[in-house]
PDB file of all heavy atoms in Angstrom:
ATOM      1  N   GLN A   1       5.955 -75.584-166.672  1.00  0.00           N
ATOM      2  CA  GLN A   1       6.262 -74.449-165.807  1.00  0.00           C
ATOM      3  C   GLN A   1       6.232 -74.850-164.341  1.00  0.00           C
ATOM      4  O   GLN A   1       7.013 -74.346-163.534  1.00  0.00           O
ATOM      5  CB  GLN A   1       5.278 -73.306-166.061  1.00  0.00           C
ATOM      6  CG  GLN A   1       5.522 -72.598-167.378  1.00  0.00           C
ATOM      7  CD  GLN A   1       4.641 -71.390-167.549  1.00  0.00           C
ATOM      8  OE1 GLN A   1       3.643 -71.257-166.845  1.00  0.00           O
ATOM      9  NE2 GLN A   1       4.985 -70.536-168.467  1.00  0.00           N
ATOM     10  N   GLN A   2       5.334 -75.767-163.972  1.00  0.00           N
ATOM     11  CA  GLN A   2       5.286 -76.217-162.593  1.00  0.00           C
ATOM     12  C   GLN A   2       6.580 -76.916-162.214  1.00  0.00           C
ATOM     13  O   GLN A   2       7.008 -76.867-161.051  1.00  0.00           O
ATOM     14  CB  GLN A   2       4.089 -77.147-162.388  1.00  0.00           C
ATOM     15  CG  GLN A   2       2.752 -76.426-162.395  1.00  0.00           C
ATOM     16  CD  GLN A   2       1.575 -77.380-162.309  1.00  0.00           C
ATOM     17  OE1 GLN A   2       1.762 -78.590-162.214  1.00  0.00           O
ATOM     18  NE2 GLN A   2       0.374 -76.846-162.327  1.00  0.00           N
ATOM     19  N   GLN A   3       7.222 -77.570-163.204  1.00  0.00           N
ATOM     20  CA  GLN A   3       8.478 -78.238-162.940  1.00  0.00           C
ATOM     21  C   GLN A   3       9.636 -77.248-162.880  1.00  0.00           C
ATOM     22  O   GLN A   3      10.725 -77.588-162.435  1.00  0.00           O
ATOM     23  CB  GLN A   3       8.748 -79.289-164.033  1.00  0.00           C
ATOM     24  CG  GLN A   3       7.723 -80.417-164.042  1.00  0.00           C
ATOM     25  CD  GLN A   3       7.977 -81.386-165.193  1.00  0.00           C
ATOM     26  OE1 GLN A   3       8.946 -81.254-165.932  1.00  0.00           O
ATOM     27  NE2 GLN A   3       7.102 -82.361-165.330  1.00  0.00           N
ATOM     28  N   GLN A   4       9.411 -76.034-163.380  1.00  0.00           N
ATOM     29  CA  GLN A   4      10.480 -75.041-163.423  1.00  0.00           C
ATOM     30  C   GLN A   4      10.106 -73.790-162.622  1.00  0.00           C
ATOM     31  O   GLN A   4      10.423 -72.677-162.995  1.00  0.00           O
ATOM     32  CB  GLN A   4      10.775 -74.658-164.872  1.00  0.00           C
ATOM     33  CG  GLN A   4      11.235 -75.819-165.722  1.00  0.00           C
ATOM     34  CD  GLN A   4      11.507 -75.405-167.157  1.00  0.00           C
ATOM     35  OE1 GLN A   4      11.223 -74.293-167.547  1.00  0.00           O
ATOM     36  NE2 GLN A   4      12.063 -76.311-167.924  1.00  0.00           N
ATOM     37  N   GLN A   5       9.421 -74.004-161.500  1.00  0.00           N
ATOM     38  CA  GLN A   5       8.948 -72.862-160.716  1.00  0.00           C
ATOM     39  C   GLN A   5      10.103 -72.007-160.191  1.00  0.00           C
ATOM     40  O   GLN A   5       9.929 -70.829-159.910  1.00  0.00           O
ATOM     41  CB  GLN A   5       8.093 -73.365-159.551  1.00  0.00           C
ATOM     42  CG  GLN A   5       6.731 -73.896-159.979  1.00  0.00           C
ATOM     43  CD  GLN A   5       5.921 -74.392-158.798  1.00  0.00           C
ATOM     44  OE1 GLN A   5       6.389 -74.370-157.674  1.00  0.00           O
ATOM     45  NE2 GLN A   5       4.722 -74.829-159.061  1.00  0.00           N
ATOM     46  N   GLN A   6      11.273 -72.615-160.036  1.00  0.00           N
ATOM     47  CA  GLN A   6      12.394 -71.870-159.484  1.00  0.00           C
ATOM     48  C   GLN A   6      12.984 -70.897-160.500  1.00  0.00           C
ATOM     49  O   GLN A   6      13.669 -69.957-160.133  1.00  0.00           O
ATOM     50  CB  GLN A   6      13.481 -72.839-159.000  1.00  0.00           C
ATOM     51  CG  GLN A   6      13.016 -73.827-157.941  1.00  0.00           C
ATOM     52  CD  GLN A   6      12.625 -73.152-156.656  1.00  0.00           C
ATOM     53  OE1 GLN A   6      11.523 -72.611-156.552  1.00  0.00           O
ATOM     54  NE2 GLN A   6      13.494 -73.153-155.682  1.00  0.00           N
ATOM     55  N   HIS A   7      12.751 -71.145-161.795  1.00  0.00           N
ATOM     56  CA  HIS A   7      13.290 -70.257-162.825  1.00  0.00           C
ATOM     57  C   HIS A   7      12.407 -69.022-162.943  1.00  0.00           C
ATOM     58  O   HIS A   7      11.182 -69.116-163.010  1.00  0.00           O
ATOM     59  CB  HIS A   7      13.360 -70.975-164.172  1.00  0.00           C
ATOM     60  CG  HIS A   7      13.966 -70.123-165.238  1.00  0.00           C
ATOM     61  ND1 HIS A   7      13.197 -69.356-166.102  1.00  0.00           N
ATOM     62  CD2 HIS A   7      15.255 -69.880-165.568  1.00  0.00           C
ATOM     63  CE1 HIS A   7      14.007 -68.695-166.918  1.00  0.00           C
ATOM     64  NE2 HIS A   7      15.250 -68.998-166.622  1.00  0.00           N
ATOM     65  N   THR A   8      13.027 -67.844-162.923  1.00  0.00           N
ATOM     66  CA  THR A   8      12.271 -66.598-162.992  1.00  0.00           C
ATOM     67  C   THR A   8      12.944 -65.640-163.971  1.00  0.00           C
ATOM     68  O   THR A   8      14.091 -65.841-164.382  1.00  0.00           O
ATOM     69  CB  THR A   8      12.200 -65.907-161.612  1.00  0.00           C
ATOM     70  OG1 THR A   8      13.535 -65.646-161.150  1.00  0.00           O
ATOM     71  CG2 THR A   8      11.483 -66.766-160.595  1.00  0.00           C
ATOM     72  N   TRP A   9      12.204 -64.595-164.315  1.00  0.00           N
ATOM     73  CA  TRP A   9      12.732 -63.509-165.138  1.00  0.00           C
ATOM     74  C   TRP A   9      12.629 -62.224-164.333  1.00  0.00           C
ATOM     75  O   TRP A   9      11.606 -61.950-163.697  1.00  0.00           O
ATOM     76  CB  TRP A   9      11.948 -63.387-166.438  1.00  0.00           C
ATOM     77  CG  TRP A   9      12.041 -64.589-167.309  1.00  0.00           C
ATOM     78  CD1 TRP A   9      11.157 -65.633-167.377  1.00  0.00           C
ATOM     79  CD2 TRP A   9      13.084 -64.904-168.226  1.00  0.00           C
ATOM     80  NE1 TRP A   9      11.586 -66.562-168.285  1.00  0.00           N
ATOM     81  CE2 TRP A   9      12.769 -66.139-168.835  1.00  0.00           C
ATOM     82  CE3 TRP A   9      14.254 -64.250-168.616  1.00  0.00           C
ATOM     83  CZ2 TRP A   9      13.579 -66.738-169.778  1.00  0.00           C
ATOM     84  CZ3 TRP A   9      15.071 -64.839-169.567  1.00  0.00           C
ATOM     85  CH2 TRP A   9      14.731 -66.070-170.140  1.00  0.00           C
ATOM     86  N   LEU A  10      13.707 -61.444-164.354  1.00  0.00           N
ATOM     87  CA  LEU A  10      13.748 -60.199-163.597  1.00  0.00           C
ATOM     88  C   LEU A  10      13.903 -59.015-164.543  1.00  0.00           C
ATOM     89  O   LEU A  10      14.712 -59.053-165.478  1.00  0.00           O
ATOM     90  CB  LEU A  10      14.908 -60.203-162.598  1.00  0.00           C
ATOM     91  CG  LEU A  10      14.937 -61.331-161.569  1.00  0.00           C
ATOM     92  CD1 LEU A  10      16.161 -61.187-160.675  1.00  0.00           C
ATOM     93  CD2 LEU A  10      13.665 -61.357-160.741  1.00  0.00           C
ATOM     94  N   LEU A  11      13.156 -57.962-164.262  1.00  0.00           N
ATOM     95  CA  LEU A  11      13.248 -56.711-165.024  1.00  0.00           C
ATOM     96  C   LEU A  11      13.924 -55.666-164.155  1.00  0.00           C
ATOM     97  O   LEU A  11      13.463 -55.381-163.047  1.00  0.00           O
ATOM     98  CB  LEU A  11      11.851 -56.229-165.419  1.00  0.00           C
ATOM     99  CG  LEU A  11      11.776 -54.841-166.077  1.00  0.00           C
ATOM    100  CD1 LEU A  11      12.472 -54.849-167.442  1.00  0.00           C
ATOM    101  CD2 LEU A  11      10.316 -54.394-166.213  1.00  0.00           C
ATOM    102  N   GLU A  12      15.022 -55.113-164.646  1.00  0.00           N
ATOM    103  CA  GLU A  12      15.678 -54.030-163.916  1.00  0.00           C
ATOM    104  C   GLU A  12      14.811 -52.780-163.995  1.00  0.00           C
ATOM    105  O   GLU A  12      14.359 -52.394-165.073  1.00  0.00           O
ATOM    106  CB  GLU A  12      17.061 -53.744-164.483  1.00  0.00           C
ATOM    107  CG  GLU A  12      17.816 -52.692-163.683  1.00  0.00           C
ATOM    108  CD  GLU A  12      19.219 -52.442-164.200  1.00  0.00           C
ATOM    109  OE1 GLU A  12      19.813 -53.355-164.815  1.00  0.00           O
ATOM    110  OE2 GLU A  12      19.725 -51.323-163.995  1.00  0.00           O
ATOM    111  N   ILE A  13      14.560 -52.155-162.842  1.00  0.00           N
ATOM    112  CA  ILE A  13      13.669 -51.005-162.756  1.00  0.00           C
ATOM    113  C   ILE A  13      14.340 -49.885-161.971  1.00  0.00           C
ATOM    114  O   ILE A  13      15.326 -50.116-161.261  1.00  0.00           O
ATOM    115  CB  ILE A  13      12.331 -51.389-162.066  1.00  0.00           C
ATOM    116  CG1 ILE A  13      12.601 -51.897-160.644  1.00  0.00           C
ATOM    117  CG2 ILE A  13      11.572 -52.426-162.899  1.00  0.00           C
ATOM    118  CD1 ILE A  13      11.351 -52.153-159.821  1.00  0.00           C
ATOM    119  N   PRO A  14      13.827 -48.655-162.059  1.00  0.00           N
ATOM    120  CA  PRO A  14      14.323 -47.596-161.183  1.00  0.00           C
ATOM    121  C   PRO A  14      13.991 -47.907-159.731  1.00  0.00           C
ATOM    122  O   PRO A  14      13.161 -48.780-159.441  1.00  0.00           O
ATOM    123  CB  PRO A  14      13.567 -46.348-161.668  1.00  0.00           C
ATOM    124  CG  PRO A  14      13.041 -46.704-163.016  1.00  0.00           C
ATOM    125  CD  PRO A  14      12.793 -48.177-163.000  1.00  0.00           C
ATOM    126  N   GLN A  15      14.627 -47.198-158.814  1.00  0.00           N
ATOM    127  CA  GLN A  15      14.292 -47.385-157.399  1.00  0.00           C
ATOM    128  C   GLN A  15      12.800 -47.143-157.201  1.00  0.00           C
ATOM    129  O   GLN A  15      12.276 -46.107-157.626  1.00  0.00           O
ATOM    130  CB  GLN A  15      15.084 -46.405-156.528  1.00  0.00           C
ATOM    131  CG  GLN A  15      14.766 -46.520-155.052  1.00  0.00           C
ATOM    132  CD  GLN A  15      15.676 -45.657-154.197  1.00  0.00           C
ATOM    133  OE1 GLN A  15      16.875 -45.540-154.463  1.00  0.00           O
ATOM    134  NE2 GLN A  15      15.123 -45.036-153.165  1.00  0.00           N
ATOM    135  N   PRO A  16      12.071 -48.084-156.589  1.00  0.00           N
ATOM    136  CA  PRO A  16      10.628 -47.917-156.412  1.00  0.00           C
ATOM    137  C   PRO A  16      10.295 -46.624-155.681  1.00  0.00           C
ATOM    138  O   PRO A  16      10.980 -46.232-154.727  1.00  0.00           O
ATOM    139  CB  PRO A  16      10.229 -49.142-155.582  1.00  0.00           C
ATOM    140  CG  PRO A  16      11.257 -50.180-155.945  1.00  0.00           C
ATOM    141  CD  PRO A  16      12.537 -49.403-156.123  1.00  0.00           C
ATOM    142  N   ALA A  17       9.244 -45.964-156.131  1.00  0.00           N
ATOM    143  CA  ALA A  17       8.878 -44.654-155.586  1.00  0.00           C
ATOM    144  C   ALA A  17       8.469 -44.729-154.124  1.00  0.00           C
ATOM    145  O   ALA A  17       8.601 -43.746-153.389  1.00  0.00           O
ATOM    146  CB  ALA A  17       7.745 -44.051-156.415  1.00  0.00           C
ATOM    147  N   ASP A  18       7.974 -45.895-153.682  1.00  0.00           N
ATOM    148  CA  ASP A  18       7.506 -46.010-152.300  1.00  0.00           C
ATOM    149  C   ASP A  18       8.597 -46.489-151.350  1.00  0.00           C
ATOM    150  O   ASP A  18       8.335 -46.782-150.190  1.00  0.00           O
ATOM    151  CB  ASP A  18       6.296 -46.942-152.211  1.00  0.00           C
ATOM    152  CG  ASP A  18       6.597 -48.346-152.719  1.00  0.00           C
ATOM    153  OD1 ASP A  18       7.707 -48.558-153.257  1.00  0.00           O
ATOM    154  OD2 ASP A  18       5.732 -49.225-152.569  1.00  0.00           O
ATOM    155  N   PHE A  19       9.838 -46.571-151.849  1.00  0.00           N
ATOM    156  CA  PHE A  19      10.948 -46.972-150.984  1.00  0.00           C
ATOM    157  C   PHE A  19      12.013 -45.897-150.938  1.00  0.00           C
ATOM    158  O   PHE A  19      12.459 -45.400-151.969  1.00  0.00           O
ATOM    159  CB  PHE A  19      11.580 -48.277-151.471  1.00  0.00           C
ATOM    160  CG  PHE A  19      12.868 -48.589-150.753  1.00  0.00           C
ATOM    161  CD1 PHE A  19      12.865 -49.041-149.447  1.00  0.00           C
ATOM    162  CD2 PHE A  19      14.091 -48.392-151.387  1.00  0.00           C
ATOM    163  CE1 PHE A  19      14.051 -49.302-148.772  1.00  0.00           C
ATOM    164  CE2 PHE A  19      15.290 -48.655-150.723  1.00  0.00           C
ATOM    165  CZ  PHE A  19      15.263 -49.114-149.413  1.00  0.00           C
ATOM    166  N   TRP A  20      12.407 -45.554-149.746  1.00  0.00           N
ATOM    167  CA  TRP A  20      13.586 -44.711-149.555  1.00  0.00           C
ATOM    168  C   TRP A  20      14.098 -44.988-148.152  1.00  0.00           C
ATOM    169  O   TRP A  20      13.392 -45.529-147.299  1.00  0.00           O
ATOM    170  CB  TRP A  20      13.275 -43.230-149.764  1.00  0.00           C
ATOM    171  CG  TRP A  20      12.448 -42.557-148.703  1.00  0.00           C
ATOM    172  CD1 TRP A  20      12.874 -41.691-147.731  1.00  0.00           C
ATOM    173  CD2 TRP A  20      11.029 -42.676-148.510  1.00  0.00           C
ATOM    174  NE1 TRP A  20      11.830 -41.270-146.958  1.00  0.00           N
ATOM    175  CE2 TRP A  20      10.685 -41.855-147.409  1.00  0.00           C
ATOM    176  CE3 TRP A  20      10.035 -43.398-149.150  1.00  0.00           C
ATOM    177  CZ2 TRP A  20       9.391 -41.748-146.942  1.00  0.00           C
ATOM    178  CZ3 TRP A  20       8.738 -43.293-148.688  1.00  0.00           C
ATOM    179  CH2 TRP A  20       8.425 -42.470-147.596  1.00  0.00           C
ATOM    180  N   CYS A  21      15.340 -44.648-147.918  1.00  0.00           N
ATOM    181  CA  CYS A  21      15.986 -44.972-146.650  1.00  0.00           C
ATOM    182  C   CYS A  21      16.443 -43.698-145.970  1.00  0.00           C
ATOM    183  O   CYS A  21      17.202 -42.919-146.540  1.00  0.00           O
ATOM    184  CB  CYS A  21      17.166 -45.907-146.893  1.00  0.00           C
ATOM    185  SG  CYS A  21      17.932 -46.542-145.380  1.00  0.00           S
ATOM    186  N   GLY A  22      15.951 -43.479-144.766  1.00  0.00           N
ATOM    187  CA  GLY A  22      16.381 -42.336-143.967  1.00  0.00           C
ATOM    188  C   GLY A  22      17.575 -42.716-143.100  1.00  0.00           C
ATOM    189  O   GLY A  22      18.044 -43.851-143.107  1.00  0.00           O
ATOM    190  N   GLY A  23      18.079 -41.761-142.355  1.00  0.00           N
ATOM    191  CA  GLY A  23      19.215 -42.008-141.471  1.00  0.00           C
ATOM    192  C   GLY A  23      18.895 -41.643-140.040  1.00  0.00           C
ATOM    193  O   GLY A  23      18.049 -40.785-139.780  1.00  0.00           O
ATOM    194  N   GLU A  24      19.560 -42.320-139.110  1.00  0.00           N
ATOM    195  CA  GLU A  24      19.442 -41.957-137.704  1.00  0.00           C
ATOM    196  C   GLU A  24      20.738 -42.299-136.992  1.00  0.00           C
ATOM    197  O   GLU A  24      21.520 -43.126-137.480  1.00  0.00           O
ATOM    198  CB  GLU A  24      18.250 -42.631-137.030  1.00  0.00           C
ATOM    199  CG  GLU A  24      18.192 -44.139-137.100  1.00  0.00           C
ATOM    200  CD  GLU A  24      16.925 -44.645-136.407  1.00  0.00           C
ATOM    201  OE1 GLU A  24      16.827 -44.511-135.178  1.00  0.00           O
ATOM    202  OE2 GLU A  24      16.049 -45.184-137.114  1.00  0.00           O
ATOM    203  N   PRO A  25      21.028 -41.651-135.866  1.00  0.00           N
ATOM    204  CA  PRO A  25      22.308 -41.841-135.194  1.00  0.00           C
ATOM    205  C   PRO A  25      22.476 -43.264-134.670  1.00  0.00           C
ATOM    206  O   PRO A  25      21.517 -43.895-134.217  1.00  0.00           O
ATOM    207  CB  PRO A  25      22.270 -40.838-134.037  1.00  0.00           C
ATOM    208  CG  PRO A  25      21.194 -39.857-134.406  1.00  0.00           C
ATOM    209  CD  PRO A  25      20.202 -40.609-135.214  1.00  0.00           C
ATOM    210  N   TYR A  26      23.705 -43.742-134.716  1.00  0.00           N
ATOM    211  CA  TYR A  26      24.050 -45.038-134.134  1.00  0.00           C
ATOM    212  C   TYR A  26      24.370 -44.833-132.650  1.00  0.00           C
ATOM    213  O   TYR A  26      25.261 -44.055-132.300  1.00  0.00           O
ATOM    214  CB  TYR A  26      25.259 -45.610-134.877  1.00  0.00           C
ATOM    215  CG  TYR A  26      25.959 -46.725-134.153  1.00  0.00           C
ATOM    216  CD1 TYR A  26      25.334 -47.944-133.913  1.00  0.00           C
ATOM    217  CD2 TYR A  26      27.290 -46.576-133.713  1.00  0.00           C
ATOM    218  CE1 TYR A  26      25.983 -48.969-133.253  1.00  0.00           C
ATOM    219  CE2 TYR A  26      27.950 -47.595-133.070  1.00  0.00           C
ATOM    220  CZ  TYR A  26      27.302 -48.795-132.828  1.00  0.00           C
ATOM    221  OH  TYR A  26      27.958 -49.813-132.172  1.00  0.00           O
TER     222      TYR A  26
END
């Protein structure tokens, strides 16, 4: 595993509850 540290597994999840994006004028 130390030789393959770059290989990872990802789990698709819903949008995290603590993240959301607001808007503001440009």
